[in-house]
């Protein structure tokens, strides 16, 4: 084990269950930093299992200043599942179709909205691993939110309502003509391409985590409407439920340093890239792990309405 010299207080250290690294929770409900583990090395099966255990418990885990290259990032991610191929819109890193390259000096799409990744397909990624390549000296943090504790926070009447709801997730914008009025031409062009192939999927709002058995809320920026409800009713209910996810007590904020790694469970989190760095360079690169159908509390799974994960993956491979 390659221990780092990072200093932590003993009260922060989570002492049970991990033999191959130290782990320090960052908040009371979400997020932990793993210390004493080099991701450049080939990890043992036992270590991989402990990392997975930490991910399930803390929802998002962080590794400071690992300075992985593209091959090492891919090799680490492959220990946890199969990787998706390049996004049909977001450019991939040349020579590495598995890596989505978010170079905000070249692209205008900034992820400053709460979302879980790619929920507009029937099998969204189960996890993502993000590598910090170039970070501004100030700004550009990312936040994550715990959708399990959000569900637990719901008052009983709202929890009963959420248990019965199904939501249509889509990559299209229902208010697109209005939303583009104040946007740059480049941004408008990006969004036109993004919605050129339409995906719609019906997901249960309350999902069962396949490993922990926890119940979490599957909502976020790709929700367009709730089944059997009008657009107006849907919007009002979304505005009622979504804020429980993003309450400060359900969130963690990570201040990036170059070389950092963030690894999050996409099934029970949302995230938000804070757009406060202006024209400063910020570049991060992501790999995503193939997921499965979301499972509702009655055992019913997600259903594709337009397009599905197989179609999406075929587009990715072009």
Protein backbone atom coordinates (compact mmCIF):
# COMPACT_ATOMS: atom_id res chain seq x y z
CA UNK A 1 0.00 0.00 0.00
CA UNK A 2 1.35 3.41 -1.00
CA UNK A 3 0.50 5.66 1.93
CA UNK A 4 0.42 9.39 1.32
CA UNK A 5 1.61 12.03 3.75
CA UNK A 6 -1.77 13.73 3.91
CA UNK A 7 -2.73 14.71 7.46
CA UNK A 8 -6.21 14.06 8.80
CA UNK A 9 -7.67 14.24 12.27
CA UNK A 10 -8.42 10.92 13.94
CA UNK A 11 -12.04 11.94 14.46
CA UNK A 12 -12.53 12.00 10.69
CA UNK A 13 -11.08 8.56 10.02
CA UNK A 14 -13.56 5.77 9.28
CA UNK A 15 -11.77 2.87 10.93
CA UNK A 16 -13.98 -0.14 10.18
CA UNK A 17 -14.11 -2.28 7.06
CA UNK A 18 -11.08 -1.15 5.05
CA UNK A 19 -7.73 -2.90 5.19
CA UNK A 20 -6.02 -1.47 2.09
CA UNK A 21 -6.48 2.30 2.52
CA UNK A 22 -7.78 4.95 4.89
CA UNK A 23 -11.07 6.69 4.28
CA UNK A 24 -12.29 10.02 5.60
CA UNK A 25 -15.98 11.02 5.30
CA UNK A 26 -16.38 14.59 4.06
CA UNK A 27 -19.93 15.26 5.26
CA UNK A 28 -22.50 13.49 7.39
CA UNK A 29 -24.44 12.12 4.43
CA UNK A 30 -22.36 11.93 1.25
CA UNK A 31 -18.78 11.85 0.07
CA UNK A 32 -15.50 10.45 1.35
CA UNK A 33 -11.84 10.81 0.50
CA UNK A 34 -9.70 7.70 0.13
CA UNK A 35 -6.11 8.16 1.29
CA UNK A 36 -3.13 5.83 1.03
CA UNK A 37 -3.92 4.21 -2.31
CA UNK A 38 -2.16 4.76 -5.62
CA UNK A 39 -4.48 4.13 -8.57
CA UNK A 40 -1.46 3.79 -10.87
CA UNK A 41 -0.76 0.36 -9.42
CA UNK A 42 -2.65 -2.83 -10.27
CA UNK A 43 -5.22 -3.17 -7.52
CA UNK A 44 -5.88 -6.50 -5.85
CA UNK A 45 -9.35 -8.01 -6.01
CA UNK A 46 -9.68 -7.33 -2.28
CA UNK A 47 -8.84 -3.66 -2.75
CA UNK A 48 -11.30 -3.34 -5.64
CA UNK A 49 -14.01 -4.83 -3.45
CA UNK A 50 -13.22 -2.36 -0.66
CA UNK A 51 -13.36 0.58 -3.08
CA UNK A 52 -16.74 -0.66 -4.34
CA UNK A 53 -17.92 -0.98 -0.73
CA UNK A 54 -16.86 2.62 -0.06
CA UNK A 55 -18.63 3.81 -3.21
CA UNK A 56 -21.90 2.15 -2.23
CA UNK A 57 -21.75 3.58 1.28
CA UNK A 58 -20.59 7.13 0.52
CA UNK A 59 -22.09 7.54 -3.00
CA UNK A 60 -19.08 9.56 -4.26
CA UNK A 61 -15.44 8.96 -3.37
CA UNK A 62 -12.37 11.08 -4.11
CA UNK A 63 -8.67 10.40 -4.64
CA UNK A 64 -6.32 13.38 -4.45
CA UNK A 65 -3.55 14.03 -6.99
CA UNK A 66 -3.36 10.62 -8.63
CA UNK A 67 -2.13 12.11 -11.94
CA UNK A 68 -3.34 9.18 -14.04
CA UNK A 69 -2.93 9.19 -17.79
CA UNK A 70 -5.69 8.05 -20.14
CA UNK A 71 -4.61 4.40 -20.15
CA UNK A 72 -4.40 4.29 -16.38
CA UNK A 73 -7.83 5.88 -15.98
CA UNK A 74 -9.34 3.29 -18.31
CA UNK A 75 -7.51 0.42 -16.58
CA UNK A 76 -8.77 1.54 -13.17
CA UNK A 77 -12.35 1.93 -14.41
CA UNK A 78 -12.38 -1.48 -16.08
CA UNK A 79 -11.90 -3.15 -12.70
CA UNK A 80 -15.45 -2.07 -11.87
CA UNK A 81 -17.35 -2.93 -15.05
CA UNK A 82 -17.69 -2.44 -18.78
CA UNK A 83 -17.14 1.05 -20.18
CA UNK A 84 -19.38 2.96 -22.56
CA UNK A 85 -17.92 4.26 -25.81
CA UNK A 86 -17.74 7.85 -26.97
CA UNK A 87 -20.68 10.19 -26.56
CA UNK A 88 -22.41 11.11 -29.85
CA UNK A 89 -22.07 14.82 -29.02
CA UNK A 90 -19.27 15.33 -26.50
CA UNK A 91 -15.87 14.81 -28.15
CA UNK A 92 -13.81 11.83 -27.06
CA UNK A 93 -10.11 11.99 -26.35
CA UNK A 94 -8.23 11.19 -29.58
CA UNK A 95 -7.26 7.53 -29.53
CA UNK A 96 -9.46 6.75 -26.52
CA UNK A 97 -13.13 6.41 -27.46
CA UNK A 98 -14.02 5.50 -23.85
CA UNK A 99 -13.00 8.92 -22.52
CA UNK A 100 -15.34 11.90 -22.78
CA UNK A 101 -13.23 15.05 -23.04
CA UNK A 102 -14.79 18.11 -21.36
CA UNK A 103 -12.46 20.91 -22.41
CA UNK A 104 -14.33 24.06 -21.44
CA UNK A 105 -11.88 26.19 -23.36
CA UNK A 106 -13.30 24.66 -26.56
CA UNK A 107 -16.92 23.79 -25.73
CA UNK A 108 -19.73 25.86 -24.27
CA UNK A 109 -21.88 23.15 -22.69
CA UNK A 110 -21.43 23.65 -18.96
CA UNK A 111 -23.12 21.22 -16.63
CA UNK A 112 -24.43 23.81 -14.17
CA UNK A 113 -27.71 22.01 -13.57
CA UNK A 114 -28.48 19.15 -11.23
CA UNK A 115 -28.63 15.84 -13.10
CA UNK A 116 -27.73 12.17 -13.12
CA UNK A 117 -25.84 11.16 -16.24
CA UNK A 118 -27.72 10.02 -19.36
CA UNK A 119 -31.03 9.16 -17.69
CA UNK A 120 -32.79 9.66 -21.02
CA UNK A 121 -31.87 6.06 -21.97
CA UNK A 122 -33.29 2.94 -20.34
CA UNK A 123 -29.92 1.77 -18.95
CA UNK A 124 -28.13 4.87 -17.62
CA UNK A 125 -24.50 4.50 -16.49
CA UNK A 126 -24.18 2.96 -13.07
CA UNK A 127 -21.09 5.02 -12.23
CA UNK A 128 -18.71 7.62 -13.62
CA UNK A 129 -15.03 8.34 -12.98
CA UNK A 130 -13.83 11.89 -13.61
CA UNK A 131 -10.17 12.95 -13.88
CA UNK A 132 -9.00 16.53 -13.38
CA UNK A 133 -6.59 17.49 -16.18
CA UNK A 134 -6.54 21.29 -15.99
CA UNK A 135 -8.19 23.22 -13.15
CA UNK A 136 -8.56 26.99 -12.71
CA UNK A 137 -6.88 28.49 -9.64
CA UNK A 138 -10.28 29.71 -8.43
CA UNK A 139 -13.71 28.24 -9.20
CA UNK A 140 -14.83 25.19 -11.15
CA UNK A 141 -15.82 23.03 -8.17
CA UNK A 142 -18.33 20.18 -8.55
CA UNK A 143 -21.15 19.27 -6.16
CA UNK A 144 -22.89 15.92 -5.64
CA UNK A 145 -26.20 15.16 -3.91
CA UNK A 146 -27.46 12.01 -2.20
CA UNK A 147 -30.85 10.91 -3.57
CA UNK A 148 -31.24 8.21 -0.90
CA UNK A 149 -31.20 10.57 2.07
CA UNK A 150 -33.39 12.93 0.01
CA UNK A 151 -36.02 10.18 -0.25
CA UNK A 152 -35.72 9.52 3.48
CA UNK A 153 -36.27 13.23 4.15
CA UNK A 154 -39.59 13.33 2.32
CA UNK A 155 -42.63 13.76 4.58
CA UNK A 156 -44.81 10.66 4.52
CA UNK A 157 -47.46 12.07 2.13
CA UNK A 158 -44.78 13.09 -0.39
CA UNK A 159 -43.03 9.75 -0.05
CA UNK A 160 -46.29 7.94 -0.82
CA UNK A 161 -46.75 10.17 -3.86
CA UNK A 162 -43.18 9.62 -5.09
CA UNK A 163 -43.57 5.85 -4.71
CA UNK A 164 -46.36 5.91 -7.30
CA UNK A 165 -44.79 8.25 -9.85
CA UNK A 166 -43.10 7.43 -13.16
CA UNK A 167 -41.21 10.09 -15.07
CA UNK A 168 -40.39 10.54 -18.75
CA UNK A 169 -36.72 11.47 -19.15
CA UNK A 170 -35.58 12.94 -22.47
CA UNK A 171 -32.60 14.65 -24.06
CA UNK A 172 -34.93 17.13 -25.80
CA UNK A 173 -35.94 20.53 -24.48
CA UNK A 174 -39.67 21.15 -24.30
CA UNK A 175 -39.07 24.91 -24.13
CA UNK A 176 -36.21 24.95 -26.64
CA UNK A 177 -37.33 27.92 -28.83
CA UNK A 178 -37.76 30.13 -25.74
CA UNK A 179 -34.63 28.85 -24.02
CA UNK A 180 -32.35 29.77 -26.92
CA UNK A 181 -33.22 33.47 -27.00
CA UNK A 182 -30.34 34.57 -24.75
CA UNK A 183 -27.81 31.88 -25.77
CA UNK A 184 -24.80 32.22 -28.03
CA UNK A 185 -24.92 30.82 -31.55
CA UNK A 186 -22.37 28.13 -30.62
CA UNK A 187 -24.44 27.06 -27.64
CA UNK A 188 -27.62 26.96 -29.70
CA UNK A 189 -25.88 24.87 -32.35
CA UNK A 190 -24.60 22.44 -29.70
CA UNK A 191 -28.09 21.95 -28.30
CA UNK A 192 -29.60 21.45 -31.75
CA UNK A 193 -27.13 18.63 -32.37
CA UNK A 194 -27.72 17.21 -28.88
CA UNK A 195 -31.45 16.82 -29.52
CA UNK A 196 -31.13 15.73 -33.17
CA UNK A 197 -31.61 12.09 -32.11
CA UNK A 198 -34.43 11.94 -29.60
CA UNK A 199 -34.49 9.61 -26.62
CA UNK A 200 -37.34 9.15 -24.18
CA UNK A 201 -37.43 6.69 -21.32
CA UNK A 202 -40.00 6.01 -18.61
CA UNK A 203 -38.28 5.54 -15.24
CA UNK A 204 -39.74 4.91 -11.79
CA UNK A 205 -39.21 7.98 -9.63
CA UNK A 206 -38.27 5.80 -6.66
CA UNK A 207 -35.68 3.14 -7.50
CA UNK A 208 -34.17 0.27 -5.56
CA UNK A 209 -30.38 0.19 -5.51
CA UNK A 210 -29.45 -3.31 -6.75
CA UNK A 211 -26.56 -3.72 -4.29
CA UNK A 212 -27.57 -1.85 -1.13
CA UNK A 213 -31.35 -2.21 -1.40
CA UNK A 214 -31.72 1.51 -0.60
CA UNK A 215 -34.48 3.60 -2.13
CA UNK A 216 -33.45 6.72 -4.02
CA UNK A 217 -35.11 9.39 -6.17
CA UNK A 218 -34.44 9.28 -9.92
CA UNK A 219 -35.11 12.85 -11.06
CA UNK A 220 -32.94 15.71 -12.34
CA UNK A 221 -32.60 17.89 -15.42
CA UNK A 222 -33.67 15.27 -17.97
CA UNK A 223 -37.17 14.84 -16.47
CA UNK A 224 -39.77 16.21 -18.90
CA UNK A 225 -43.11 15.00 -17.52
CA UNK A 226 -44.68 12.57 -15.08
CA UNK A 227 -46.82 9.78 -16.47
CA UNK A 228 -50.55 10.56 -16.57
CA UNK A 229 -49.99 14.17 -15.44
CA UNK A 230 -50.05 17.40 -17.42
CA UNK A 231 -46.91 19.42 -18.12
CA UNK A 232 -48.05 22.04 -15.60
CA UNK A 233 -48.75 19.45 -12.91
CA UNK A 234 -45.47 17.71 -13.69
CA UNK A 235 -43.50 20.92 -13.33
CA UNK A 236 -45.08 21.73 -10.02
CA UNK A 237 -44.41 18.24 -8.61
CA UNK A 238 -40.82 18.27 -9.86
CA UNK A 239 -40.30 21.61 -8.12
CA UNK A 240 -41.72 20.01 -4.98
CA UNK A 241 -39.50 16.90 -4.97
CA UNK A 242 -36.22 18.01 -6.56
CA UNK A 243 -35.26 20.52 -3.81
CA UNK A 244 -35.16 17.70 -1.26
CA UNK A 245 -32.26 16.23 -3.23
CA UNK A 246 -30.25 19.45 -3.34
CA UNK A 247 -30.73 20.51 0.27
CA UNK A 248 -27.29 21.48 1.66
CA UNK A 249 -27.32 18.59 4.14
CA UNK A 250 -27.57 16.11 1.25
CA UNK A 251 -24.63 17.56 -0.71
CA UNK A 252 -20.85 17.59 -0.85
CA UNK A 253 -18.65 20.09 -2.72
CA UNK A 254 -15.25 19.10 -4.09
CA UNK A 255 -12.55 21.70 -4.73
CA UNK A 256 -10.52 20.19 -7.53
CA UNK A 257 -6.75 19.96 -7.81
CA UNK A 258 -5.06 18.75 -10.97
CA UNK A 259 -4.69 14.97 -10.92
CA UNK A 260 -7.72 14.35 -8.69
CA UNK A 261 -10.18 11.51 -9.34
CA UNK A 262 -13.89 11.54 -8.45
CA UNK A 263 -15.83 8.25 -8.64
CA UNK A 264 -19.59 8.43 -8.13
CA UNK A 265 -22.56 6.07 -8.11
CA UNK A 266 -24.84 7.53 -10.79
CA UNK A 267 -27.81 5.48 -9.57
CA UNK A 268 -28.17 7.36 -6.27
CA UNK A 269 -26.58 10.75 -6.90
CA UNK A 270 -27.00 13.92 -8.88
CA UNK A 271 -24.17 16.33 -9.62
CA UNK A 272 -23.67 19.95 -10.62
CA UNK A 273 -20.60 21.57 -12.22
CA UNK A 274 -20.36 25.08 -10.82
CA UNK A 275 -20.02 27.63 -13.61
CA UNK A 276 -18.05 30.32 -11.78
CA UNK A 277 -14.68 30.16 -13.56
CA UNK A 278 -15.44 32.44 -16.49
CA UNK A 279 -12.96 32.12 -19.34
CA UNK A 280 -10.33 30.34 -17.25
CA UNK A 281 -9.27 26.96 -18.66
CA UNK A 282 -10.94 23.93 -17.10
CA UNK A 283 -10.56 20.43 -18.52
CA UNK A 284 -11.81 17.17 -17.04
CA UNK A 285 -12.11 13.73 -18.63
CA UNK A 286 -14.72 11.11 -17.79
CA UNK A 287 -15.25 7.41 -18.27
CA UNK A 288 -18.64 5.87 -17.56
CA UNK A 289 -19.59 2.35 -16.57
CA UNK A 290 -22.46 0.58 -18.31
CA UNK A 291 -25.57 0.36 -16.17
CA UNK A 292 -28.78 -1.65 -16.10
CA UNK A 293 -32.51 -0.98 -16.05
CA UNK A 294 -33.71 1.00 -13.05
CA UNK A 295 -35.89 -1.08 -10.71
CA UNK A 296 -39.00 0.38 -9.09
CA UNK A 297 -40.27 -0.54 -5.65
CA UNK A 298 -42.74 -3.05 -7.12
CA UNK A 299 -40.04 -4.72 -9.22
CA UNK A 300 -41.06 -3.04 -12.50
CA UNK A 301 -38.15 -1.74 -14.58
CA UNK A 302 -37.54 1.22 -16.88
CA UNK A 303 -38.99 1.22 -20.38
CA UNK A 304 -37.65 2.95 -23.49
CA UNK A 305 -40.25 5.04 -25.37
CA UNK A 306 -38.02 6.44 -28.14
CA UNK A 307 -34.56 5.01 -28.68
CA UNK A 308 -32.92 2.83 -26.06
CA UNK A 309 -29.52 2.02 -24.63
CA UNK A 310 -28.63 -0.29 -27.53
CA UNK A 311 -29.39 2.45 -30.07
CA UNK A 312 -27.46 4.96 -28.01
CA UNK A 313 -24.44 2.67 -27.77
CA UNK A 314 -24.50 2.05 -31.52
CA UNK A 315 -24.38 5.80 -32.05
CA UNK A 316 -21.51 5.99 -29.58
CA UNK A 317 -19.51 3.48 -31.58
CA UNK A 318 -19.68 5.43 -34.84
